[in-house]
C-alpha atoms as a PDB file:
ATOM      1  CA  UNK A   1       9.445   0.905 175.708  1.00  0.00           C
ATOM      2  CA  UNK A   2       6.249  -1.093 175.093  1.00  0.00           C
ATOM      3  CA  UNK A   3       6.368  -3.710 172.401  1.00  0.00           C
ATOM      4  CA  UNK A   4       3.340  -3.344 170.109  1.00  0.00           C
ATOM      5  CA  UNK A   5       0.803  -0.542 169.587  1.00  0.00           C
ATOM      6  CA  UNK A   6      -2.584  -1.364 168.049  1.00  0.00           C
ATOM      7  CA  UNK A   7      -4.201   1.091 165.637  1.00  0.00           C
ATOM      8  CA  UNK A   8      -7.579   0.899 163.949  1.00  0.00           C
ATOM      9  CA  UNK A   9     -10.130   3.241 162.385  1.00  0.00           C
ATOM     10  CA  UNK A  10     -13.514   4.447 163.581  1.00  0.00           C
ATOM     11  CA  UNK A  11     -15.452   1.726 161.745  1.00  0.00           C
ATOM     12  CA  UNK A  12     -14.385  -0.840 164.381  1.00  0.00           C
ATOM     13  CA  UNK A  13     -17.367   0.268 166.503  1.00  0.00           C
ATOM     14  CA  UNK A  14     -16.085  -0.984 169.846  1.00  0.00           C
ATOM     15  CA  UNK A  15     -17.606   0.536 172.989  1.00  0.00           C
ATOM     16  CA  UNK A  16     -15.424   3.449 174.110  1.00  0.00           C
ATOM     17  CA  UNK A  17     -14.361   1.722 177.330  1.00  0.00           C
ATOM     18  CA  UNK A  18     -12.448  -0.897 175.340  1.00  0.00           C
ATOM     19  CA  UNK A  19     -10.441   1.734 173.468  1.00  0.00           C
ATOM     20  CA  UNK A  20      -9.521   3.323 176.780  1.00  0.00           C
ATOM     21  CA  UNK A  21      -8.794   0.104 178.668  1.00  0.00           C
ATOM     22  CA  UNK A  22      -6.460  -1.336 176.034  1.00  0.00           C
ATOM     23  CA  UNK A  23      -4.922   1.904 174.717  1.00  0.00           C
ATOM     24  CA  UNK A  24      -6.201   1.376 171.183  1.00  0.00           C
ATOM     25  CA  UNK A  25      -5.417   4.276 168.846  1.00  0.00           C
ATOM     26  CA  UNK A  26      -8.316   5.161 166.540  1.00  0.00           C
ATOM     27  CA  UNK A  27      -7.736   7.162 163.359  1.00  0.00           C
ATOM     28  CA  UNK A  28     -11.237   8.375 162.476  1.00  0.00           C
ATOM     29  CA  UNK A  29     -13.003   8.663 159.164  1.00  0.00           C
ATOM     30  CA  UNK A  30     -15.429  11.538 158.549  1.00  0.00           C
ATOM     31  CA  UNK A  31     -19.065  11.812 157.534  1.00  0.00           C
ATOM     32  CA  UNK A  32     -20.255  14.646 155.292  1.00  0.00           C
ATOM     33  CA  UNK A  33     -23.799  16.026 155.337  1.00  0.00           C
ATOM     34  CA  UNK A  34     -24.030  18.190 152.228  1.00  0.00           C
ATOM     35  CA  UNK A  35     -21.440  20.919 152.878  1.00  0.00           C
ATOM     36  CA  UNK A  36     -20.512  20.114 156.507  1.00  0.00           C
ATOM     37  CA  UNK A  37     -17.979  17.462 157.482  1.00  0.00           C
ATOM     38  CA  UNK A  38     -17.911  15.778 160.894  1.00  0.00           C
ATOM     39  CA  UNK A  39     -15.049  13.723 162.313  1.00  0.00           C
ATOM     40  CA  UNK A  40     -16.315  10.320 163.417  1.00  0.00           C
ATOM     41  CA  UNK A  41     -14.913  10.541 166.942  1.00  0.00           C
ATOM     42  CA  UNK A  42     -18.224  10.685 168.873  1.00  0.00           C
ATOM     43  CA  UNK A  43     -17.292  14.250 169.838  1.00  0.00           C
ATOM     44  CA  UNK A  44     -17.629  16.247 166.625  1.00  0.00           C
ATOM     45  CA  UNK A  45     -20.894  14.349 166.144  1.00  0.00           C
ATOM     46  CA  UNK A  46     -22.303  11.689 168.461  1.00  0.00           C
ATOM     47  CA  UNK A  47     -23.891   8.493 167.186  1.00  0.00           C
ATOM     48  CA  UNK A  48     -27.282   9.713 168.406  1.00  0.00           C
ATOM     49  CA  UNK A  49     -26.875  13.065 166.628  1.00  0.00           C
ATOM     50  CA  UNK A  50     -25.820  11.267 163.455  1.00  0.00           C
ATOM     51  CA  UNK A  51     -28.894   9.033 163.265  1.00  0.00           C
ATOM     52  CA  UNK A  52     -31.149  11.977 164.043  1.00  0.00           C
ATOM     53  CA  UNK A  53     -29.652  13.883 161.090  1.00  0.00           C
ATOM     54  CA  UNK A  54     -29.801  10.785 158.880  1.00  0.00           C
ATOM     55  CA  UNK A  55     -33.575  10.570 159.356  1.00  0.00           C
ATOM     56  CA  UNK A  56     -34.162  14.162 158.256  1.00  0.00           C
ATOM     57  CA  UNK A  57     -31.457  14.850 155.648  1.00  0.00           C
ATOM     58  CA  UNK A  58     -32.604  15.349 152.058  1.00  0.00           C
ATOM     59  CA  UNK A  59     -29.424  13.922 150.570  1.00  0.00           C
ATOM     60  CA  UNK A  60     -27.634  10.796 151.776  1.00  0.00           C
ATOM     61  CA  UNK A  61     -24.380  11.762 153.526  1.00  0.00           C
ATOM     62  CA  UNK A  62     -21.027  10.617 152.224  1.00  0.00           C
ATOM     63  CA  UNK A  63     -17.978   9.349 154.067  1.00  0.00           C
ATOM     64  CA  UNK A  64     -14.295  10.138 153.681  1.00  0.00           C
ATOM     65  CA  UNK A  65     -11.247   8.141 154.710  1.00  0.00           C
ATOM     66  CA  UNK A  66      -8.432   9.506 156.878  1.00  0.00           C
ATOM     67  CA  UNK A  67      -5.510  11.042 154.993  1.00  0.00           C
ATOM     68  CA  UNK A  68      -1.986   9.587 155.029  1.00  0.00           C
ATOM     69  CA  UNK A  69      -1.029  12.628 157.138  1.00  0.00           C
ATOM     70  CA  UNK A  70      -3.538  11.536 159.794  1.00  0.00           C
ATOM     71  CA  UNK A  71      -1.828   8.158 160.009  1.00  0.00           C
ATOM     72  CA  UNK A  72       1.684   9.624 159.934  1.00  0.00           C
ATOM     73  CA  UNK A  73       0.827  11.784 162.944  1.00  0.00           C
ATOM     74  CA  UNK A  74      -0.586   8.805 164.871  1.00  0.00           C
ATOM     75  CA  UNK A  75       2.257   6.442 163.920  1.00  0.00           C
ATOM     76  CA  UNK A  76       5.051   8.859 164.801  1.00  0.00           C
ATOM     77  CA  UNK A  77       3.593   9.498 168.225  1.00  0.00           C
ATOM     78  CA  UNK A  78       3.229   5.785 168.944  1.00  0.00           C
ATOM     79  CA  UNK A  79       6.750   4.976 167.749  1.00  0.00           C
ATOM     80  CA  UNK A  80       8.110   7.191 170.513  1.00  0.00           C
ATOM     81  CA  UNK A  81       6.960   4.607 173.055  1.00  0.00           C
ATOM     82  CA  UNK A  82       6.533   1.361 171.080  1.00  0.00           C
ATOM     83  CA  UNK A  83       8.782  -0.941 169.073  1.00  0.00           C
ATOM     84  CA  UNK A  84       6.095  -1.925 166.520  1.00  0.00           C
ATOM     85  CA  UNK A  85       2.676  -0.910 165.241  1.00  0.00           C
ATOM     86  CA  UNK A  86      -0.066  -3.226 163.994  1.00  0.00           C
ATOM     87  CA  UNK A  87      -2.690  -1.185 162.132  1.00  0.00           C
ATOM     88  CA  UNK A  88      -5.940  -3.055 161.373  1.00  0.00           C
ATOM     89  CA  UNK A  89      -8.606  -1.555 159.105  1.00  0.00           C
ATOM     90  CA  UNK A  90     -11.896  -1.740 157.253  1.00  0.00           C
ATOM     91  CA  UNK A  91     -12.020  -3.801 154.044  1.00  0.00           C
ATOM     92  CA  UNK A  92     -10.269  -2.214 151.072  1.00  0.00           C
ATOM     93  CA  UNK A  93     -13.335  -3.001 148.991  1.00  0.00           C
ATOM     94  CA  UNK A  94     -15.356  -0.624 151.177  1.00  0.00           C
ATOM     95  CA  UNK A  95     -12.882   2.166 151.908  1.00  0.00           C
ATOM     96  CA  UNK A  96      -9.460   3.501 151.010  1.00  0.00           C
ATOM     97  CA  UNK A  97      -8.527   3.751 154.694  1.00  0.00           C
ATOM     98  CA  UNK A  98      -5.918   0.990 154.652  1.00  0.00           C
ATOM     99  CA  UNK A  99      -4.438   2.524 151.480  1.00  0.00           C
ATOM    100  CA  UNK A 100      -3.910   5.780 153.393  1.00  0.00           C
ATOM    101  CA  UNK A 101      -2.317   3.794 156.214  1.00  0.00           C
ATOM    102  CA  UNK A 102      -0.028   2.019 153.751  1.00  0.00           C
ATOM    103  CA  UNK A 103       1.104   5.323 152.200  1.00  0.00           C
ATOM    104  CA  UNK A 104       1.862   6.612 155.692  1.00  0.00           C
ATOM    105  CA  UNK A 105       3.855   3.477 156.513  1.00  0.00           C
ATOM    106  CA  UNK A 106       5.997   3.933 153.402  1.00  0.00           C
ATOM    107  CA  UNK A 107       6.500   7.652 154.046  1.00  0.00           C
ATOM    108  CA  UNK A 108       7.719   7.027 157.575  1.00  0.00           C
ATOM    109  CA  UNK A 109      10.347   4.680 156.207  1.00  0.00           C
ATOM    110  CA  UNK A 110      11.432   1.031 156.118  1.00  0.00           C
ATOM    111  CA  UNK A 111      13.400   1.309 159.362  1.00  0.00           C
ATOM    112  CA  UNK A 112      10.138   1.619 161.350  1.00  0.00           C
ATOM    113  CA  UNK A 113       8.204  -1.551 162.149  1.00  0.00           C
ATOM    114  CA  UNK A 114       4.628  -0.919 160.993  1.00  0.00           C
ATOM    115  CA  UNK A 115       2.257  -3.601 159.671  1.00  0.00           C
ATOM    116  CA  UNK A 116      -0.970  -2.543 157.914  1.00  0.00           C
ATOM    117  CA  UNK A 117      -3.717  -5.165 157.697  1.00  0.00           C
ATOM    118  CA  UNK A 118      -6.798  -5.165 155.489  1.00  0.00           C
ATOM    119  CA  UNK A 119      -9.258  -7.016 157.730  1.00  0.00           C
ATOM    120  CA  UNK A 120     -11.712  -7.600 154.834  1.00  0.00           C
ATOM    121  CA  UNK A 121     -14.310  -6.786 157.501  1.00  0.00           C
ATOM    122  CA  UNK A 122     -15.925  -3.780 159.101  1.00  0.00           C
ATOM    123  CA  UNK A 123     -17.910  -2.653 162.152  1.00  0.00           C
ATOM    124  CA  UNK A 124     -18.080  -5.115 165.064  1.00  0.00           C
ATOM    125  CA  UNK A 125     -16.308  -7.960 163.220  1.00  0.00           C
ATOM    126  CA  UNK A 126     -13.320  -5.666 162.758  1.00  0.00           C
ATOM    127  CA  UNK A 127     -13.800  -4.554 166.354  1.00  0.00           C
ATOM    128  CA  UNK A 128     -13.480  -8.100 167.707  1.00  0.00           C
ATOM    129  CA  UNK A 129     -10.180  -8.601 165.894  1.00  0.00           C
ATOM    130  CA  UNK A 130      -8.867  -5.263 167.144  1.00  0.00           C
ATOM    131  CA  UNK A 131      -9.960  -6.134 170.675  1.00  0.00           C
ATOM    132  CA  UNK A 132      -8.094  -9.452 170.684  1.00  0.00           C
ATOM    133  CA  UNK A 133      -4.968  -7.861 169.210  1.00  0.00           C
ATOM    134  CA  UNK A 134      -5.035  -5.134 171.863  1.00  0.00           C
ATOM    135  CA  UNK A 135      -5.525  -7.671 174.668  1.00  0.00           C
ATOM    136  CA  UNK A 136      -2.486  -9.597 173.468  1.00  0.00           C
ATOM    137  CA  UNK A 137      -0.468  -6.380 173.157  1.00  0.00           C
ATOM    138  CA  UNK A 138      -1.448  -5.432 176.710  1.00  0.00           C
ATOM    139  CA  UNK A 139      -0.175  -8.857 177.777  1.00  0.00           C
ATOM    140  CA  UNK A 140       3.185  -8.015 176.195  1.00  0.00           C
ATOM    141  CA  UNK A 141       2.883 -10.616 173.449  1.00  0.00           C
ATOM    142  CA  UNK A 142       5.189 -10.332 170.439  1.00  0.00           C
ATOM    143  CA  UNK A 143       4.180  -8.818 167.125  1.00  0.00           C
ATOM    144  CA  UNK A 144       4.379 -12.286 165.547  1.00  0.00           C
ATOM    145  CA  UNK A 145       2.006 -13.752 168.141  1.00  0.00           C
ATOM    146  CA  UNK A 146      -0.438 -10.900 167.611  1.00  0.00           C
ATOM    147  CA  UNK A 147      -0.361 -11.234 163.822  1.00  0.00           C
ATOM    148  CA  UNK A 148      -0.965 -14.982 164.052  1.00  0.00           C
ATOM    149  CA  UNK A 149      -3.984 -14.412 166.288  1.00  0.00           C
ATOM    150  CA  UNK A 150      -5.372 -11.750 163.928  1.00  0.00           C
ATOM    151  CA  UNK A 151      -5.283 -14.045 160.905  1.00  0.00           C
ATOM    152  CA  UNK A 152      -6.587 -17.031 162.878  1.00  0.00           C
ATOM    153  CA  UNK A 153      -9.593 -15.029 164.099  1.00  0.00           C
ATOM    154  CA  UNK A 154     -10.161 -13.464 160.681  1.00  0.00           C
ATOM    155  CA  UNK A 155     -10.521 -16.978 159.216  1.00  0.00           C
ATOM    156  CA  UNK A 156     -13.031 -17.984 161.918  1.00  0.00           C
ATOM    157  CA  UNK A 157     -15.077 -14.792 162.090  1.00  0.00           C
ATOM    158  CA  UNK A 158     -18.797 -15.028 161.378  1.00  0.00           C
ATOM    159  CA  UNK A 159     -20.762 -11.889 160.573  1.00  0.00           C
ATOM    160  CA  UNK A 160     -24.477 -11.436 160.007  1.00  0.00           C
ATOM    161  CA  UNK A 161     -26.497  -8.282 159.699  1.00  0.00           C
ATOM    162  CA  UNK A 162     -30.026  -7.362 158.750  1.00  0.00           C
ATOM    163  CA  UNK A 163     -30.733  -3.888 157.370  1.00  0.00           C
ATOM    164  CA  UNK A 164     -34.284  -2.648 157.828  1.00  0.00           C
ATOM    165  CA  UNK A 165     -34.097  -1.570 154.193  1.00  0.00           C
ATOM    166  CA  UNK A 166     -31.564  -2.024 151.377  1.00  0.00           C
ATOM    167  CA  UNK A 167     -31.992   1.572 150.229  1.00  0.00           C
ATOM    168  CA  UNK A 168     -28.886   2.857 152.041  1.00  0.00           C
ATOM    169  CA  UNK A 169     -26.678   0.053 150.732  1.00  0.00           C
ATOM    170  CA  UNK A 170     -27.919   0.618 147.192  1.00  0.00           C
ATOM    171  CA  UNK A 171     -27.577   4.405 147.292  1.00  0.00           C
ATOM    172  CA  UNK A 172     -24.152   4.214 148.903  1.00  0.00           C
ATOM    173  CA  UNK A 173     -22.872   1.642 146.416  1.00  0.00           C
ATOM    174  CA  UNK A 174     -21.919  -0.870 149.146  1.00  0.00           C
ATOM    175  CA  UNK A 175     -24.278  -3.668 148.123  1.00  0.00           C
ATOM    176  CA  UNK A 176     -21.321  -5.749 146.880  1.00  0.00           C
ATOM    177  CA  UNK A 177     -22.115  -9.355 145.957  1.00  0.00           C
ATOM    178  CA  UNK A 178     -25.688  -8.902 147.163  1.00  0.00           C
ATOM    179  CA  UNK A 179     -26.498  -6.515 144.306  1.00  0.00           C
ATOM    180  CA  UNK A 180     -28.794  -9.096 142.712  1.00  0.00           C
ATOM    181  CA  UNK A 181     -31.318  -8.634 145.509  1.00  0.00           C
ATOM    182  CA  UNK A 182     -34.465  -6.781 144.471  1.00  0.00           C
ATOM    183  CA  UNK A 183     -35.864  -6.414 147.964  1.00  0.00           C
ATOM    184  CA  UNK A 184     -38.061  -3.453 147.079  1.00  0.00           C
ATOM    185  CA  UNK A 185     -39.998  -5.674 144.664  1.00  0.00           C
ATOM    186  CA  UNK A 186     -40.005  -8.901 146.662  1.00  0.00           C
ATOM    187  CA  UNK A 187     -40.453  -7.230 150.049  1.00  0.00           C
ATOM    188  CA  UNK A 188     -37.785  -9.475 151.532  1.00  0.00           C
ATOM    189  CA  UNK A 189     -35.627  -8.985 154.617  1.00  0.00           C
ATOM    190  CA  UNK A 190     -32.251 -10.444 153.649  1.00  0.00           C
ATOM    191  CA  UNK A 191     -29.666 -11.576 156.155  1.00  0.00           C
ATOM    192  CA  UNK A 192     -26.348 -10.344 154.822  1.00  0.00           C
ATOM    193  CA  UNK A 193     -22.755 -11.260 155.587  1.00  0.00           C
ATOM    194  CA  UNK A 194     -19.256 -10.261 154.524  1.00  0.00           C
ATOM    195  CA  UNK A 195     -17.364 -12.463 152.088  1.00  0.00           C
ATOM    196  CA  UNK A 196     -13.951 -11.583 150.652  1.00  0.00           C
ATOM    197  CA  UNK A 197     -14.398  -8.027 151.870  1.00  0.00           C
ATOM    198  CA  UNK A 198     -17.800  -7.439 150.291  1.00  0.00           C
ATOM    199  CA  UNK A 199     -21.435  -7.560 151.304  1.00  0.00           C
ATOM    200  CA  UNK A 200     -22.938 -10.917 150.348  1.00  0.00           C
ATOM    201  CA  UNK A 201     -26.287 -12.583 150.802  1.00  0.00           C
ATOM    202  CA  UNK A 202     -26.430 -15.158 153.608  1.00  0.00           C
ATOM    203  CA  UNK A 203     -30.118 -16.050 153.813  1.00  0.00           C
ATOM    204  CA  UNK A 204     -33.420 -14.550 152.726  1.00  0.00           C
ATOM    205  CA  UNK A 205     -36.478 -14.014 154.884  1.00  0.00           C
ATOM    206  CA  UNK A 206     -39.700 -12.143 154.264  1.00  0.00           C
ATOM    207  CA  UNK A 207     -40.393 -10.406 157.545  1.00  0.00           C
ATOM    208  CA  UNK A 208     -38.330  -8.477 160.082  1.00  0.00           C
ATOM    209  CA  UNK A 209     -39.148 -10.769 163.026  1.00  0.00           C
ATOM    210  CA  UNK A 210     -38.448 -13.806 160.877  1.00  0.00           C
ATOM    211  CA  UNK A 211     -35.020 -12.386 160.013  1.00  0.00           C
ATOM    212  CA  UNK A 212     -34.183 -11.857 163.697  1.00  0.00           C
ATOM    213  CA  UNK A 213     -35.277 -15.405 164.550  1.00  0.00           C
ATOM    214  CA  UNK A 214     -33.292 -16.804 161.630  1.00  0.00           C
ATOM    215  CA  UNK A 215     -30.130 -15.051 162.845  1.00  0.00           C
ATOM    216  CA  UNK A 216     -30.553 -16.635 166.272  1.00  0.00           C
ATOM    217  CA  UNK A 217     -31.159 -20.049 164.727  1.00  0.00           C
ATOM    218  CA  UNK A 218     -28.068 -19.705 162.532  1.00  0.00           C
ATOM    219  CA  UNK A 219     -25.882 -18.734 165.493  1.00  0.00           C
ATOM    220  CA  UNK A 220     -27.141 -21.715 167.473  1.00  0.00           C
ATOM    221  CA  UNK A 221     -26.260 -24.034 164.580  1.00  0.00           C
ATOM    222  CA  UNK A 222     -22.829 -22.510 163.999  1.00  0.00           C
ATOM    223  CA  UNK A 223     -21.557 -22.332 167.588  1.00  0.00           C
ATOM    224  CA  UNK A 224     -19.866 -25.605 168.501  1.00  0.00           C
ATOM    225  CA  UNK A 225     -18.297 -24.796 171.875  1.00  0.00           C
ATOM    226  CA  UNK A 226     -20.425 -22.160 173.564  1.00  0.00           C
ATOM    227  CA  UNK A 227     -18.004 -21.498 176.421  1.00  0.00           C
ATOM    228  CA  UNK A 228     -15.394 -20.394 173.906  1.00  0.00           C
ATOM    229  CA  UNK A 229     -17.495 -18.042 171.773  1.00  0.00           C
ATOM    230  CA  UNK A 230     -16.818 -14.317 171.779  1.00  0.00           C
ATOM    231  CA  UNK A 231     -19.747 -12.377 170.375  1.00  0.00           C
ATOM    232  CA  UNK A 232     -20.648  -8.777 169.681  1.00  0.00           C
ATOM    233  CA  UNK A 233     -24.135  -7.429 169.028  1.00  0.00           C
ATOM    234  CA  UNK A 234     -24.731  -3.963 167.626  1.00  0.00           C
ATOM    235  CA  UNK A 235     -27.574  -1.890 166.296  1.00  0.00           C
ATOM    236  CA  UNK A 236     -27.830   1.061 163.974  1.00  0.00           C
ATOM    237  CA  UNK A 237     -30.617   3.144 165.502  1.00  0.00           C
ATOM    238  CA  UNK A 238     -32.580   0.028 166.500  1.00  0.00           C
ATOM    239  CA  UNK A 239     -31.789  -0.206 170.199  1.00  0.00           C
ATOM    240  CA  UNK A 240     -34.833  -2.249 171.217  1.00  0.00           C
ATOM    241  CA  UNK A 241     -34.161  -4.869 168.546  1.00  0.00           C
ATOM    242  CA  UNK A 242     -30.490  -5.065 169.514  1.00  0.00           C
ATOM    243  CA  UNK A 243     -31.361  -5.459 173.188  1.00  0.00           C
ATOM    244  CA  UNK A 244     -33.888  -8.165 172.324  1.00  0.00           C
ATOM    245  CA  UNK A 245     -31.304 -10.126 170.337  1.00  0.00           C
ATOM    246  CA  UNK A 246     -28.781  -9.821 173.168  1.00  0.00           C
ATOM    247  CA  UNK A 247     -31.207 -11.112 175.795  1.00  0.00           C
ATOM    248  CA  UNK A 248     -32.156 -14.072 173.613  1.00  0.00           C
ATOM    249  CA  UNK A 249     -28.505 -14.954 173.031  1.00  0.00           C
ATOM    250  CA  UNK A 250     -27.906 -14.832 176.775  1.00  0.00           C
ATOM    251  CA  UNK A 251     -30.686 -17.389 177.145  1.00  0.00           C
ATOM    252  CA  UNK A 252     -29.350 -19.622 174.368  1.00  0.00           C
ATOM    253  CA  UNK A 253     -25.845 -20.299 175.663  1.00  0.00           C
ATOM    254  CA  UNK A 254     -23.011 -19.103 177.875  1.00  0.00           C
ATOM    255  CA  UNK A 255     -20.467 -17.088 175.925  1.00  0.00           C
ATOM    256  CA  UNK A 256     -16.881 -16.361 176.909  1.00  0.00           C
ATOM    257  CA  UNK A 257     -17.469 -12.680 176.204  1.00  0.00           C
ATOM    258  CA  UNK A 258     -20.611 -10.827 175.137  1.00  0.00           C
ATOM    259  CA  UNK A 259     -20.294  -7.231 173.934  1.00  0.00           C
ATOM    260  CA  UNK A 260     -23.145  -4.819 173.253  1.00  0.00           C
ATOM    261  CA  UNK A 261     -22.229  -2.037 170.860  1.00  0.00           C
ATOM    262  CA  UNK A 262     -23.548   0.531 168.403  1.00  0.00           C
ATOM    263  CA  UNK A 263     -22.932   0.795 164.686  1.00  0.00           C
ATOM    264  CA  UNK A 264     -21.319   4.186 164.205  1.00  0.00           C
ATOM    265  CA  UNK A 265     -21.620   6.989 161.677  1.00  0.00           C
ATOM    266  CA  UNK A 266     -19.538   5.535 158.857  1.00  0.00           C
ATOM    267  CA  UNK A 267     -21.113   2.104 158.557  1.00  0.00           C
ATOM    268  CA  UNK A 268     -24.486   3.608 159.506  1.00  0.00           C
ATOM    269  CA  UNK A 269     -24.306   5.929 156.492  1.00  0.00           C
ATOM    270  CA  UNK A 270     -24.186   2.979 154.109  1.00  0.00           C
ATOM    271  CA  UNK A 271     -26.269   0.504 156.106  1.00  0.00           C
ATOM    272  CA  UNK A 272     -29.048   2.592 157.609  1.00  0.00           C
ATOM    273  CA  UNK A 273     -31.120   1.167 160.490  1.00  0.00           C
ATOM    274  CA  UNK A 274     -29.962  -2.395 161.141  1.00  0.00           C
ATOM    275  CA  UNK A 275     -28.827  -5.009 163.607  1.00  0.00           C
ATOM    276  CA  UNK A 276     -25.512  -6.860 163.362  1.00  0.00           C
ATOM    277  CA  UNK A 277     -23.823  -9.813 165.044  1.00  0.00           C
ATOM    278  CA  UNK A 278     -20.206 -10.944 164.802  1.00  0.00           C
ATOM    279  CA  UNK A 279     -18.653 -13.888 166.616  1.00  0.00           C
ATOM    280  CA  UNK A 280     -15.865 -16.439 166.649  1.00  0.00           C
ATOM    281  CA  UNK A 281     -14.770 -19.345 168.819  1.00  0.00           C
ATOM    282  CA  UNK A 282     -11.362 -19.380 170.497  1.00  0.00           C
END
């Protein structure tokens, strides 16, 4: 029997090859366009199909969390071949996903070793934590070692993202601590971050290119040991901008690991077109 199984949800936004390589179980959320619901598994609706629909839909889609039954099904299957489960999820302040996971954990019973973690993060920042946990699990590390690594990385994680517009965040109610921004009036391009599980303002710029340059400058200032930095770059329907940022980071320093990803349906619903960067130093 394997020691620890790693579970996450579909907001982790890791490239599919990582889920396959490290046997990460993903319990997906769903996105709802008016009266039709799609499971966020890149099969029911692909990321490309989602952003195409987002551009043309008259009403902003909504998102729904997995049910406790979805988690119970996943947990029971994993417990057949694993001693423990570590289930890492999107911030509670953004979704009830970890609450569903917690209900499932209690329903399965106290004799089963399941730990549910509110990452206080989402998208690629969550993905980097899940990736490290799964790498340690694949190396047959103990649950205690994996949990320690998760909380160490969570404390060090840096996240920055720039939405092309704040309209999606405002309409979706995910503006969090950045709700004081009146970008439509000031014509600003804010750089946002995540603080205590909510969207917060990091810096303010006035133009899109200035925002991208400011992100790069901030990363350069924050990274202390470049050979130890693990970084993920993602875009929400802004592939050229994401590729540009990645190439510039490659030219700035040598990272331990550099991941290029896409922001999926769930975060994309609330964020709209955007670029995002998450990183930490080992």
